[in-house]
N, C-alpha and C. Protein backbone atom coordinates (compact mmCIF):
# COMPACT_ATOMS: atom_id res chain seq x y z
N MET A 1 238.70 123.99 28.61
CA MET A 1 238.64 123.37 29.93
C MET A 1 238.31 121.89 29.79
N SER A 2 238.96 121.09 30.58
CA SER A 2 238.74 119.66 30.54
C SER A 2 237.61 119.27 31.48
N SER A 3 236.77 118.35 31.01
CA SER A 3 235.68 117.89 31.87
C SER A 3 236.02 116.60 32.58
N LYS A 4 237.26 116.14 32.42
CA LYS A 4 237.69 114.92 33.08
C LYS A 4 237.78 115.15 34.58
N PRO A 5 237.35 114.17 35.38
CA PRO A 5 237.47 114.34 36.84
C PRO A 5 238.95 114.38 37.24
N GLN A 6 239.24 115.26 38.17
CA GLN A 6 240.61 115.38 38.64
C GLN A 6 240.82 114.49 39.85
N ALA A 7 242.06 114.05 40.02
CA ALA A 7 242.41 113.21 41.16
C ALA A 7 242.25 114.01 42.44
N LYS A 8 241.70 113.37 43.46
CA LYS A 8 241.49 114.02 44.75
C LYS A 8 242.53 113.51 45.74
N LEU A 9 242.97 114.41 46.60
CA LEU A 9 243.92 114.04 47.65
C LEU A 9 243.18 113.40 48.81
N GLY A 10 243.85 112.50 49.49
CA GLY A 10 243.29 111.90 50.68
C GLY A 10 244.03 112.42 51.91
N VAL A 11 243.28 112.86 52.90
CA VAL A 11 243.88 113.40 54.12
C VAL A 11 244.77 112.36 54.80
N THR A 12 244.29 111.13 54.84
CA THR A 12 245.04 110.08 55.53
C THR A 12 246.37 109.83 54.85
N GLN A 13 246.38 109.79 53.51
CA GLN A 13 247.64 109.56 52.79
C GLN A 13 248.60 110.72 53.02
N LEU A 14 248.08 111.95 52.99
CA LEU A 14 248.94 113.11 53.21
C LEU A 14 249.48 113.11 54.64
N GLU A 15 248.63 112.73 55.57
CA GLU A 15 249.06 112.68 56.97
C GLU A 15 250.23 111.72 57.16
N VAL A 16 250.17 110.59 56.50
CA VAL A 16 251.26 109.61 56.59
C VAL A 16 252.54 110.22 56.04
N LEU A 17 252.44 110.92 54.91
CA LEU A 17 253.62 111.50 54.27
C LEU A 17 254.26 112.61 55.09
N VAL A 18 253.45 113.36 55.84
CA VAL A 18 254.00 114.52 56.56
C VAL A 18 254.20 114.28 58.05
N ARG A 19 253.92 113.08 58.52
CA ARG A 19 254.02 112.81 59.95
C ARG A 19 255.40 113.17 60.52
N GLU A 20 256.47 112.78 59.84
CA GLU A 20 257.82 113.11 60.32
C GLU A 20 258.05 114.62 60.32
N ASP A 21 257.54 115.31 59.31
CA ASP A 21 257.68 116.77 59.24
C ASP A 21 256.97 117.43 60.42
N ILE A 22 255.79 116.92 60.76
CA ILE A 22 255.03 117.47 61.88
C ILE A 22 255.78 117.24 63.19
N GLU A 23 256.29 116.03 63.38
CA GLU A 23 257.03 115.73 64.60
C GLU A 23 258.27 116.60 64.73
N LYS A 24 258.97 116.80 63.61
CA LYS A 24 260.17 117.66 63.63
C LYS A 24 259.78 119.09 64.00
N CYS A 25 258.70 119.58 63.43
CA CYS A 25 258.24 120.93 63.73
C CYS A 25 257.90 121.07 65.20
N LEU A 26 257.18 120.10 65.75
CA LEU A 26 256.82 120.15 67.17
C LEU A 26 258.07 120.15 68.05
N GLN A 27 259.07 119.37 67.67
CA GLN A 27 260.32 119.37 68.43
C GLN A 27 261.01 120.73 68.38
N GLU A 28 261.02 121.34 67.19
CA GLU A 28 261.64 122.66 67.04
C GLU A 28 260.90 123.73 67.83
N VAL A 29 259.57 123.69 67.80
CA VAL A 29 258.78 124.66 68.56
C VAL A 29 259.03 124.48 70.05
N THR A 30 258.99 123.25 70.51
CA THR A 30 259.23 122.97 71.93
C THR A 30 260.61 123.44 72.36
N ALA A 31 261.61 123.14 71.55
CA ALA A 31 262.99 123.55 71.87
C ALA A 31 263.11 125.07 71.93
N ALA A 32 262.50 125.76 70.97
CA ALA A 32 262.59 127.22 70.95
C ALA A 32 261.95 127.83 72.19
N VAL A 33 260.79 127.33 72.57
CA VAL A 33 260.11 127.86 73.75
C VAL A 33 260.88 127.51 75.02
N ASN A 34 261.37 126.29 75.10
CA ASN A 34 262.12 125.87 76.29
C ASN A 34 263.44 126.61 76.45
N GLN A 35 264.08 126.97 75.34
CA GLN A 35 265.37 127.65 75.41
C GLN A 35 265.25 129.15 75.69
N ALA A 36 264.08 129.67 75.53
CA ALA A 36 263.87 131.11 75.78
C ALA A 36 263.93 131.39 77.28
N HIS A 37 264.51 132.51 77.61
CA HIS A 37 264.64 132.91 79.00
C HIS A 37 263.31 133.41 79.56
N ASP A 38 263.10 133.18 80.86
CA ASP A 38 261.90 133.69 81.51
C ASP A 38 261.80 135.19 81.29
N GLY A 39 260.63 135.65 80.99
CA GLY A 39 260.41 137.07 80.76
C GLY A 39 260.67 137.48 79.32
N ALA A 40 261.22 136.55 78.50
CA ALA A 40 261.52 136.88 77.11
C ALA A 40 261.10 135.73 76.19
N VAL A 41 260.13 134.96 76.64
CA VAL A 41 259.74 133.77 75.87
C VAL A 41 259.26 134.14 74.47
N ILE A 42 258.37 135.10 74.38
CA ILE A 42 257.85 135.48 73.07
C ILE A 42 258.95 136.09 72.21
N ASP A 43 259.69 137.00 72.77
CA ASP A 43 260.75 137.68 72.03
C ASP A 43 261.80 136.71 71.51
N GLU A 44 262.18 135.74 72.31
CA GLU A 44 263.26 134.83 71.94
C GLU A 44 262.80 133.60 71.16
N SER A 45 261.52 133.28 71.22
CA SER A 45 261.07 132.06 70.54
C SER A 45 260.21 132.32 69.31
N GLU A 46 259.69 133.51 69.17
CA GLU A 46 258.74 133.78 68.09
C GLU A 46 259.34 133.53 66.70
N GLU A 47 260.52 134.01 66.44
CA GLU A 47 261.12 133.85 65.12
C GLU A 47 261.48 132.39 64.83
N PRO A 48 262.13 131.67 65.74
CA PRO A 48 262.40 130.25 65.46
C PRO A 48 261.12 129.44 65.26
N VAL A 49 260.07 129.75 66.00
CA VAL A 49 258.79 129.05 65.83
C VAL A 49 258.18 129.39 64.47
N ARG A 50 258.23 130.65 64.09
CA ARG A 50 257.70 131.07 62.79
C ARG A 50 258.44 130.34 61.66
N GLU A 51 259.75 130.24 61.77
CA GLU A 51 260.54 129.55 60.75
C GLU A 51 260.22 128.06 60.69
N ALA A 52 260.06 127.43 61.86
CA ALA A 52 259.71 126.01 61.90
C ALA A 52 258.35 125.77 61.25
N LEU A 53 257.40 126.63 61.53
CA LEU A 53 256.07 126.50 60.95
C LEU A 53 256.08 126.76 59.44
N ALA A 54 256.92 127.68 59.00
CA ALA A 54 257.05 127.96 57.56
C ALA A 54 257.61 126.74 56.84
N ARG A 55 258.62 126.09 57.44
CA ARG A 55 259.18 124.87 56.83
C ARG A 55 258.12 123.77 56.77
N LEU A 56 257.33 123.65 57.82
CA LEU A 56 256.26 122.64 57.84
C LEU A 56 255.22 122.94 56.77
N ARG A 57 254.80 124.18 56.68
CA ARG A 57 253.82 124.57 55.67
C ARG A 57 254.33 124.24 54.27
N GLN A 58 255.60 124.54 54.00
CA GLN A 58 256.18 124.28 52.70
C GLN A 58 256.25 122.77 52.43
N ALA A 59 256.66 121.99 53.42
CA ALA A 59 256.75 120.54 53.25
C ALA A 59 255.39 119.93 52.96
N ILE A 60 254.38 120.37 53.69
CA ILE A 60 253.02 119.83 53.50
C ILE A 60 252.52 120.19 52.10
N TYR A 61 252.72 121.43 51.70
CA TYR A 61 252.23 121.87 50.40
C TYR A 61 252.95 121.12 49.27
N GLN A 62 254.27 120.99 49.38
CA GLN A 62 255.03 120.28 48.35
C GLN A 62 254.57 118.83 48.23
N LYS A 63 254.36 118.18 49.36
CA LYS A 63 253.94 116.78 49.32
C LYS A 63 252.51 116.64 48.80
N ALA A 64 251.65 117.60 49.11
CA ALA A 64 250.29 117.56 48.58
C ALA A 64 250.30 117.74 47.06
N ILE A 65 251.10 118.67 46.58
CA ILE A 65 251.20 118.89 45.13
C ILE A 65 251.77 117.64 44.46
N GLN A 66 252.79 117.02 45.06
CA GLN A 66 253.38 115.82 44.49
C GLN A 66 252.36 114.68 44.45
N MET A 67 251.54 114.56 45.49
CA MET A 67 250.49 113.54 45.49
C MET A 67 249.53 113.77 44.33
N LYS A 68 249.17 115.01 44.09
CA LYS A 68 248.26 115.36 42.99
C LYS A 68 248.88 114.99 41.65
N VAL A 69 250.15 115.32 41.47
CA VAL A 69 250.85 114.99 40.23
C VAL A 69 250.94 113.48 40.05
N ASP A 70 251.31 112.78 41.12
CA ASP A 70 251.43 111.31 41.05
C ASP A 70 250.09 110.67 40.71
N ALA A 71 249.01 111.16 41.30
CA ALA A 71 247.68 110.61 41.02
C ALA A 71 247.28 110.87 39.57
N ALA A 72 247.59 112.06 39.07
CA ALA A 72 247.26 112.38 37.68
C ALA A 72 248.07 111.51 36.72
N GLU A 73 249.35 111.30 37.03
CA GLU A 73 250.18 110.44 36.19
C GLU A 73 249.70 109.00 36.22
N ALA A 74 249.26 108.53 37.37
CA ALA A 74 248.77 107.16 37.48
C ALA A 74 247.48 106.97 36.70
N ALA A 75 246.68 108.02 36.59
CA ALA A 75 245.41 107.94 35.88
C ALA A 75 245.59 108.12 34.37
N PHE A 76 246.75 108.58 33.97
CA PHE A 76 247.01 108.84 32.56
C PHE A 76 247.20 107.52 31.82
N SER A 77 246.51 107.40 30.71
CA SER A 77 246.63 106.20 29.88
C SER A 77 247.41 106.57 28.63
N PRO A 78 248.65 106.16 28.56
CA PRO A 78 249.45 106.53 27.39
C PRO A 78 248.94 105.82 26.13
N SER A 79 249.28 106.40 25.01
CA SER A 79 248.91 105.81 23.73
C SER A 79 249.66 104.50 23.55
N PRO A 80 249.10 103.58 22.78
CA PRO A 80 249.83 102.35 22.51
C PRO A 80 251.14 102.67 21.81
N VAL A 81 252.14 101.90 22.11
CA VAL A 81 253.46 102.12 21.52
C VAL A 81 253.43 101.61 20.09
N ARG A 82 253.85 102.45 19.18
CA ARG A 82 253.93 102.06 17.77
C ARG A 82 255.39 101.71 17.48
N ARG A 83 255.56 100.56 16.95
CA ARG A 83 256.93 100.14 16.61
C ARG A 83 257.23 100.53 15.17
N ARG A 84 258.37 101.09 15.00
CA ARG A 84 258.81 101.45 13.67
C ARG A 84 259.60 100.28 13.10
N HIS A 85 259.38 100.01 11.86
CA HIS A 85 260.16 98.97 11.20
C HIS A 85 261.46 99.58 10.74
N ALA A 86 262.54 98.96 11.14
CA ALA A 86 263.85 99.44 10.73
C ALA A 86 264.05 99.15 9.26
N THR A 87 264.49 100.18 8.55
CA THR A 87 264.77 100.00 7.13
C THR A 87 266.28 99.97 6.95
N GLN A 88 266.75 98.88 6.40
CA GLN A 88 268.18 98.74 6.21
C GLN A 88 268.47 98.23 4.83
């Protein structure tokens, strides 16, 4: 196990990255509920809303993981480059 501190995610940075995804999800949820017929709102909108939320959940998770990877890569200090002498 490594004792090195791990990069932490920032809520504000993640929020900026997923803002468009959230807005798209809200539009999809609103459209699904608005398009459902009276008396069948739950029946007709539940599945489209579930799918929109699943896409949002996946987008947020993927972007959070990518932020973690990017932060770890930025913190990584590569070894000095060793130049090989060409022998000819």
